[in-house]
Amino acid sequence: MFGFGWTMVEDEKKHNKKQFESKIKPVKGPTKPEVTDLIGQRLRTYYNEVAEQPVPDRFLSLLDKLDEATSKKLK
């Protein structure tokens, strides 16, 4: 997956893009409002579930270190 050198990485990106684009199917006509509403409802539900999860301790620790470094720099 990871190549040595810039050209190999660029070739990998192009290959992945082609694979992704080949799976995209164009939408024919406008989307039904019921479908749009359902998608919106599911996205809101998913977002709320993620937002309710606690912040990991490691991330809180990193934020504390950042606050300390920032306050030292401002003094």
C-alpha atoms as a PDB file:
ATOM      1  CA  MET A   1       0.000   0.000   0.000  1.00  0.00           C
ATOM      2  CA  PHE A   2       2.737   2.495   0.921  1.00  0.00           C
ATOM      3  CA  GLY A   3       5.321   3.065  -1.714  1.00  0.00           C
ATOM      4  CA  PHE A   4       8.743   4.564  -1.759  1.00  0.00           C
ATOM      5  CA  GLY A   5       8.950   7.842  -3.580  1.00  0.00           C
ATOM      6  CA  TRP A   6       6.478  10.412  -4.677  1.00  0.00           C
ATOM      7  CA  THR A   7       5.422   8.815  -7.965  1.00  0.00           C
ATOM      8  CA  MET A   8       4.430   5.540  -6.372  1.00  0.00           C
ATOM      9  CA  VAL A   9       2.257   7.331  -3.823  1.00  0.00           C
ATOM     10  CA  GLU A  10       0.649   9.409  -6.576  1.00  0.00           C
ATOM     11  CA  ASP A  11       0.004   6.257  -8.638  1.00  0.00           C
ATOM     12  CA  GLU A  12      -1.652   4.676  -5.583  1.00  0.00           C
ATOM     13  CA  LYS A  13      -3.914   7.726  -5.167  1.00  0.00           C
ATOM     14  CA  LYS A  14      -4.944   7.628  -8.823  1.00  0.00           C
ATOM     15  CA  HIS A  15      -5.698   3.909  -8.589  1.00  0.00           C
ATOM     16  CA  ASN A  16      -7.830   4.359  -5.453  1.00  0.00           C
ATOM     17  CA  LYS A  17      -9.689   7.287  -7.038  1.00  0.00           C
ATOM     18  CA  LYS A  18     -10.528   5.214 -10.115  1.00  0.00           C
ATOM     19  CA  GLN A  19     -11.837   2.379  -7.926  1.00  0.00           C
ATOM     20  CA  PHE A  20     -13.983   4.808  -5.919  1.00  0.00           C
ATOM     21  CA  GLU A  21     -15.355   6.577  -8.988  1.00  0.00           C
ATOM     22  CA  SER A  22     -16.265   3.279 -10.629  1.00  0.00           C
ATOM     23  CA  LYS A  23     -18.553   2.468  -7.672  1.00  0.00           C
ATOM     24  CA  ILE A  24     -20.439   5.786  -7.804  1.00  0.00           C
ATOM     25  CA  LYS A  25     -23.794   5.523  -9.520  1.00  0.00           C
ATOM     26  CA  PRO A  26     -25.387   8.751 -10.800  1.00  0.00           C
ATOM     27  CA  VAL A  27     -28.764   9.711  -9.374  1.00  0.00           C
ATOM     28  CA  LYS A  28     -31.508   9.866 -11.960  1.00  0.00           C
ATOM     29  CA  GLY A  29     -33.935  12.658 -11.227  1.00  0.00           C
ATOM     30  CA  PRO A  30     -34.640  14.370  -7.923  1.00  0.00           C
ATOM     31  CA  THR A  31     -34.549  12.440  -4.664  1.00  0.00           C
ATOM     32  CA  LYS A  32     -37.895  11.826  -2.994  1.00  0.00           C
ATOM     33  CA  PRO A  33     -38.490  14.011   0.084  1.00  0.00           C
ATOM     34  CA  GLU A  34     -39.183  10.904   2.184  1.00  0.00           C
ATOM     35  CA  VAL A  35     -35.736   9.522   1.344  1.00  0.00           C
ATOM     36  CA  THR A  36     -34.052  12.838   2.122  1.00  0.00           C
ATOM     37  CA  ASP A  37     -35.914  13.065   5.448  1.00  0.00           C
ATOM     38  CA  LEU A  38     -34.922   9.516   6.379  1.00  0.00           C
ATOM     39  CA  ILE A  39     -31.265  10.161   5.564  1.00  0.00           C
ATOM     40  CA  GLY A  40     -31.333  13.364   7.633  1.00  0.00           C
ATOM     41  CA  GLN A  41     -32.991  11.590  10.556  1.00  0.00           C
ATOM     42  CA  ARG A  42     -30.430   8.779  10.543  1.00  0.00           C
ATOM     43  CA  LEU A  43     -27.518  11.201  10.289  1.00  0.00           C
ATOM     44  CA  ARG A  44     -28.859  13.212  13.255  1.00  0.00           C
ATOM     45  CA  THR A  45     -29.290  10.025  15.288  1.00  0.00           C
ATOM     46  CA  TYR A  46     -25.758   8.896  14.479  1.00  0.00           C
ATOM     47  CA  TYR A  47     -24.323  12.329  15.275  1.00  0.00           C
ATOM     48  CA  ASN A  48     -26.137  12.450  18.626  1.00  0.00           C
ATOM     49  CA  GLU A  49     -24.834   8.998  19.563  1.00  0.00           C
ATOM     50  CA  VAL A  50     -21.273  10.050  18.774  1.00  0.00           C
ATOM     51  CA  ALA A  51     -21.656  13.400  20.570  1.00  0.00           C
ATOM     52  CA  GLU A  52     -22.851  11.632  23.740  1.00  0.00           C
ATOM     53  CA  GLN A  53     -19.749   9.445  23.969  1.00  0.00           C
ATOM     54  CA  PRO A  54     -17.228  10.508  26.609  1.00  0.00           C
ATOM     55  CA  VAL A  55     -13.982  12.158  25.578  1.00  0.00           C
ATOM     56  CA  PRO A  56     -11.101   9.659  25.939  1.00  0.00           C
ATOM     57  CA  ASP A  57      -8.693  10.310  28.825  1.00  0.00           C
ATOM     58  CA  ARG A  58      -5.726  10.403  26.458  1.00  0.00           C
ATOM     59  CA  PHE A  59      -7.313  13.206  24.470  1.00  0.00           C
ATOM     60  CA  LEU A  60      -8.124  15.159  27.648  1.00  0.00           C
ATOM     61  CA  SER A  61      -4.508  14.764  28.727  1.00  0.00           C
ATOM     62  CA  LEU A  62      -3.305  16.151  25.400  1.00  0.00           C
ATOM     63  CA  LEU A  63      -5.658  19.122  25.738  1.00  0.00           C
ATOM     64  CA  ASP A  64      -4.318  19.810  29.244  1.00  0.00           C
ATOM     65  CA  LYS A  65      -0.739  19.766  27.941  1.00  0.00           C
ATOM     66  CA  LEU A  66      -1.704  22.153  25.161  1.00  0.00           C
ATOM     67  CA  ASP A  67      -3.332  24.529  27.670  1.00  0.00           C
ATOM     68  CA  GLU A  68      -0.208  24.442  29.845  1.00  0.00           C
ATOM     69  CA  ALA A  69       2.100  25.128  26.913  1.00  0.00           C
ATOM     70  CA  THR A  70      -0.116  27.965  25.697  1.00  0.00           C
ATOM     71  CA  SER A  71      -0.339  29.619  29.111  1.00  0.00           C
ATOM     72  CA  LYS A  72       3.471  29.401  29.552  1.00  0.00           C
ATOM     73  CA  LYS A  73       3.976  30.977  26.131  1.00  0.00           C
ATOM     74  CA  LEU A  74       1.611  33.874  26.941  1.00  0.00           C
ATOM     75  CA  LYS A  75       3.420  34.763  30.192  1.00  0.00           C
END
